[in-house]
C-alpha atoms as a PDB file:
ATOM      1  CA  MET A   1     -12.388 -10.907 -17.164  1.00  0.00           C
ATOM      2  CA  LEU A   2      -8.946 -10.450 -15.676  1.00  0.00           C
ATOM      3  CA  PHE A   3      -6.100  -7.985 -16.195  1.00  0.00           C
ATOM      4  CA  LEU A   4      -2.702  -8.386 -14.484  1.00  0.00           C
ATOM      5  CA  GLN A   5       0.134  -5.850 -14.494  1.00  0.00           C
ATOM      6  CA  MET A   6       3.465  -5.645 -12.645  1.00  0.00           C
ATOM      7  CA  PHE A   7       5.231  -2.317 -12.178  1.00  0.00           C
ATOM      8  CA  GLU A   8       8.914  -2.307 -11.241  1.00  0.00           C
ATOM      9  CA  ASN A   9      11.795   0.109 -10.816  1.00  0.00           C
ATOM     10  CA  LYS A  10      15.420  -0.007  -9.679  1.00  0.00           C
ATOM     11  CA  PHE A  11      16.344  -1.215  -6.186  1.00  0.00           C
ATOM     12  CA  GLY A  12      15.905   1.557  -3.600  1.00  0.00           C
ATOM     13  CA  TYR A  13      12.830   3.023  -5.295  1.00  0.00           C
ATOM     14  CA  ARG A  14       9.198   2.640  -4.264  1.00  0.00           C
ATOM     15  CA  ILE A  15       6.091   2.578  -6.433  1.00  0.00           C
ATOM     16  CA  THR A  16       3.018   4.736  -5.716  1.00  0.00           C
ATOM     17  CA  MET A  17      -0.389   4.184  -7.299  1.00  0.00           C
ATOM     18  CA  ASN A  18      -3.130   6.826  -7.282  1.00  0.00           C
ATOM     19  CA  VAL A  19      -6.638   6.258  -8.630  1.00  0.00           C
ATOM     20  CA  LEU A  20      -7.713   9.287 -10.675  1.00  0.00           C
ATOM     21  CA  GLU A  21     -11.060   8.040 -11.978  1.00  0.00           C
ATOM     22  CA  MET A  22     -13.497   5.124 -11.517  1.00  0.00           C
ATOM     23  CA  ASP A  23     -16.655   4.470 -13.539  1.00  0.00           C
ATOM     24  CA  ILE A  24     -18.785   1.347 -13.796  1.00  0.00           C
ATOM     25  CA  GLU A  25     -22.114   0.437 -15.367  1.00  0.00           C
ATOM     26  CA  PRO A  26     -24.923  -0.335 -12.869  1.00  0.00           C
ATOM     27  CA  GLN A  27     -25.083  -4.087 -13.569  1.00  0.00           C
ATOM     28  CA  ALA A  28     -21.311  -4.673 -13.788  1.00  0.00           C
ATOM     29  CA  SER A  29     -18.888  -5.355 -10.939  1.00  0.00           C
ATOM     30  CA  GLY A  30     -15.144  -5.007 -10.567  1.00  0.00           C
ATOM     31  CA  THR A  31     -12.312  -5.287  -8.059  1.00  0.00           C
ATOM     32  CA  LEU A  32      -8.822  -3.796  -8.005  1.00  0.00           C
ATOM     33  CA  ASP A  33      -6.267  -5.698  -5.870  1.00  0.00           C
ATOM     34  CA  VAL A  34      -2.791  -4.280  -5.223  1.00  0.00           C
ATOM     35  CA  TYR A  35       0.139  -6.410  -3.990  1.00  0.00           C
ATOM     36  CA  ASP A  36       3.425  -5.303  -2.425  1.00  0.00           C
ATOM     37  CA  GLY A  37       5.760  -7.116  -4.811  1.00  0.00           C
ATOM     38  CA  ARG A  38       6.124  -8.875  -8.151  1.00  0.00           C
ATOM     39  CA  ASP A  39       3.028 -11.129  -8.080  1.00  0.00           C
ATOM     40  CA  LYS A  40       0.036 -12.378  -6.061  1.00  0.00           C
ATOM     41  CA  THR A  41       2.247 -14.298  -3.616  1.00  0.00           C
ATOM     42  CA  TRP A  42       3.364 -11.025  -2.008  1.00  0.00           C
ATOM     43  CA  PRO A  43       1.332  -9.312   0.753  1.00  0.00           C
ATOM     44  CA  LYS A  44      -1.821  -7.524  -0.388  1.00  0.00           C
ATOM     45  CA  LEU A  45      -1.652  -3.767   0.144  1.00  0.00           C
ATOM     46  CA  ALA A  46      -5.267  -2.990  -0.722  1.00  0.00           C
ATOM     47  CA  SER A  47      -8.433  -4.255  -2.372  1.00  0.00           C
ATOM     48  CA  TYR A  48     -11.018  -1.888  -3.859  1.00  0.00           C
ATOM     49  CA  MET A  49     -14.480  -2.482  -5.232  1.00  0.00           C
ATOM     50  CA  ILE A  50     -14.899  -0.354  -8.363  1.00  0.00           C
ATOM     51  CA  MET A  51     -17.587   2.252  -7.622  1.00  0.00           C
ATOM     52  CA  ASN A  52     -18.667   5.356  -9.509  1.00  0.00           C
ATOM     53  CA  GLY A  53     -17.126   8.603  -8.392  1.00  0.00           C
ATOM     54  CA  THR A  54     -14.826   7.122  -5.737  1.00  0.00           C
ATOM     55  CA  HIS A  55     -11.165   8.020  -5.402  1.00  0.00           C
ATOM     56  CA  PRO A  56      -9.405   5.619  -3.038  1.00  0.00           C
ATOM     57  CA  MET A  57      -6.368   6.804  -1.126  1.00  0.00           C
ATOM     58  CA  GLY A  58      -2.985   6.373  -2.836  1.00  0.00           C
ATOM     59  CA  ILE A  59      -0.930   3.252  -2.139  1.00  0.00           C
ATOM     60  CA  THR A  60       2.864   3.060  -1.836  1.00  0.00           C
ATOM     61  CA  SER A  61       4.859  -0.154  -1.997  1.00  0.00           C
ATOM     62  CA  THR A  62       7.570  -0.999   0.515  1.00  0.00           C
ATOM     63  CA  TYR A  63       9.720  -2.536  -2.228  1.00  0.00           C
ATOM     64  CA  ASN A  64      10.650  -1.560  -5.769  1.00  0.00           C
ATOM     65  CA  SER A  65       7.713  -3.395  -7.366  1.00  0.00           C
ATOM     66  CA  MET A  66       3.922  -3.459  -7.268  1.00  0.00           C
ATOM     67  CA  PHE A  67       1.505  -5.989  -8.763  1.00  0.00           C
ATOM     68  CA  VAL A  68      -2.019  -4.960  -9.776  1.00  0.00           C
ATOM     69  CA  GLU A  69      -4.880  -7.374 -10.495  1.00  0.00           C
ATOM     70  CA  PHE A  70      -8.072  -5.996 -11.989  1.00  0.00           C
ATOM     71  CA  SER A  71     -11.045  -8.334 -12.366  1.00  0.00           C
ATOM     72  CA  TRP A  72     -14.506  -7.464 -13.608  1.00  0.00           C
ATOM     73  CA  SER A  73     -17.678  -9.025 -14.906  1.00  0.00           C
ATOM     74  CA  ARG A  74     -20.238  -7.773 -17.387  1.00  0.00           C
ATOM     75  CA  PRO A  75     -23.972  -7.852 -16.751  1.00  0.00           C
ATOM     76  CA  PRO A  76     -25.612 -11.236 -17.409  1.00  0.00           C
ATOM     77  CA  ARG A  77     -27.424  -9.974 -20.510  1.00  0.00           C
ATOM     78  CA  GLY A  78     -24.421  -8.830 -22.562  1.00  0.00           C
ATOM     79  CA  GLY A  79     -23.131  -5.312 -23.154  1.00  0.00           C
ATOM     80  CA  CYS A  80     -23.341  -2.012 -21.398  1.00  0.00           C
ATOM     81  CA  PRO A  81     -25.015   1.103 -22.830  1.00  0.00           C
ATOM     82  CA  THR A  82     -22.350   3.697 -21.937  1.00  0.00           C
ATOM     83  CA  LEU A  83     -18.946   2.064 -21.416  1.00  0.00           C
ATOM     84  CA  THR A  84     -17.637  -0.429 -23.985  1.00  0.00           C
ATOM     85  CA  ASP A  85     -16.126  -2.767 -21.376  1.00  0.00           C
ATOM     86  CA  CYS A  86     -18.645  -1.804 -18.643  1.00  0.00           C
ATOM     87  CA  VAL A  87     -15.837  -0.601 -16.340  1.00  0.00           C
ATOM     88  CA  LYS A  88     -13.349   2.236 -16.654  1.00  0.00           C
ATOM     89  CA  PHE A  89     -10.724   3.543 -14.274  1.00  0.00           C
ATOM     90  CA  THR A  90      -7.574   5.631 -14.567  1.00  0.00           C
ATOM     91  CA  ILE A  91      -4.545   5.131 -12.350  1.00  0.00           C
ATOM     92  CA  LEU A  92      -1.325   7.103 -12.056  1.00  0.00           C
ATOM     93  CA  ILE A  93       1.833   5.115 -11.298  1.00  0.00           C
ATOM     94  CA  ASP A  94       4.769   7.052  -9.891  1.00  0.00           C
ATOM     95  CA  SER A  95       8.125   6.061  -8.499  1.00  0.00           C
ATOM     96  CA  THR A  96      10.358   7.796  -6.025  1.00  0.00           C
ATOM     97  CA  ARG A  97      13.598   7.002  -4.296  1.00  0.00           C
ATOM     98  CA  GLY A  98      12.928   6.308  -0.660  1.00  0.00           C
ATOM     99  CA  LYS A  99      13.233   4.185   2.403  1.00  0.00           C
ATOM    100  CA  LEU A 100      10.459   2.427   4.255  1.00  0.00           C
ATOM    101  CA  VAL A 101      10.871   4.574   7.394  1.00  0.00           C
ATOM    102  CA  THR A 102       9.703   8.158   6.936  1.00  0.00           C
ATOM    103  CA  LEU A 103      10.955  11.189   8.867  1.00  0.00           C
ATOM    104  CA  PRO A 104       7.806  11.671  11.057  1.00  0.00           C
ATOM    105  CA  PHE A 105       8.042   8.020  12.160  1.00  0.00           C
ATOM    106  CA  VAL A 106      11.722   8.468  13.138  1.00  0.00           C
ATOM    107  CA  ILE A 107      10.899  11.638  15.086  1.00  0.00           C
ATOM    108  CA  ILE A 108       8.134   9.830  17.030  1.00  0.00           C
ATOM    109  CA  ILE A 109      10.539   6.996  17.947  1.00  0.00           C
ATOM    110  CA  ILE A 110      13.164   9.525  19.118  1.00  0.00           C
ATOM    111  CA  ILE A 111      10.563  11.343  21.267  1.00  0.00           C
ATOM    112  CA  ILE A 112       9.485   8.040  22.855  1.00  0.00           C
ATOM    113  CA  LEU A 113      13.103   7.115  23.646  1.00  0.00           C
ATOM    114  CA  ILE A 114      13.825  10.538  25.165  1.00  0.00           C
ATOM    115  CA  THR A 115      10.630  10.350  27.256  1.00  0.00           C
ATOM    116  CA  MET A 116      11.569   6.891  28.557  1.00  0.00           C
ATOM    117  CA  THR A 117      15.096   8.068  29.404  1.00  0.00           C
ATOM    118  CA  ILE A 118      13.822  11.140  31.323  1.00  0.00           C
ATOM    119  CA  TYR A 119      11.290   8.996  33.196  1.00  0.00           C
ATOM    120  CA  ASN A 120      13.947   6.483  34.224  1.00  0.00           C
ATOM    121  CA  TRP A 121      16.339   9.270  35.240  1.00  0.00           C
ATOM    122  CA  ARG A 122      13.700  11.078  37.372  1.00  0.00           C
ATOM    123  CA  HIS A 123      12.597   7.898  39.102  1.00  0.00           C
ATOM    124  CA  ASN A 124      16.156   6.664  39.453  1.00  0.00           C
ATOM    125  CA  THR A 125      15.297   3.392  37.772  1.00  0.00           C
ATOM    126  CA  ALA A 126      17.073   1.579  35.043  1.00  0.00           C
ATOM    127  CA  MET A 127      15.701  -0.623  32.364  1.00  0.00           C
ATOM    128  CA  PRO A 128      16.148  -4.293  33.242  1.00  0.00           C
ATOM    129  CA  LEU A 129      19.185  -5.952  31.711  1.00  0.00           C
ATOM    130  CA  GLN A 130      18.930  -9.254  29.972  1.00  0.00           C
ATOM    131  CA  GLY A 131      21.593 -11.889  30.522  1.00  0.00           C
ATOM    132  CA  ARG A 132      24.495 -11.906  32.954  1.00  0.00           C
ATOM    133  CA  LEU A 133      27.909 -10.251  32.996  1.00  0.00           C
ATOM    134  CA  THR A 134      30.879 -12.299  34.156  1.00  0.00           C
ATOM    135  CA  VAL A 135      34.246 -10.670  34.773  1.00  0.00           C
ATOM    136  CA  ASN A 136      37.388 -12.781  35.183  1.00  0.00           C
END
C-alpha cells in the first residue's frame, strides 16, 4: 500500500517533520521516505524503516515544501491482530520562517576566515591571486 502527501508553505518558510510515534505488527513492514521538495523528483532527505518504539531525528526542508511517501505491506496471511492497518505512526509537521544558513554555521565560517587572515598576516604571506591585472 502507498500513501503520498505534500506539505507546502509560503516562500521563505521551511517545513519540519518530527516523528512522535511508530508502531508496526511483527509480520508487517513499512518505509517512510521524505523528499526536499514537491515530489519524488527532489532530493531525498531521509528514509526510515518503520520499527516499534523508534523516534527518528526531526527533518527540516531547505525549501518551502516537503514530500512524504509512506509505503507498507501487510503480512502474507491477511490481517493483523492489534493494529487495523498493521502499521501506525504519528508525525508532527511544523513550519517556520528561516534561511538555509543557520547562525552557528555563519559563526564557524567567520572564525575560519579570521584564523586564515591572522595566519597570513603572521607569516607575511598573501593568498594567491587569480588572473592578471593590467594598468594602462
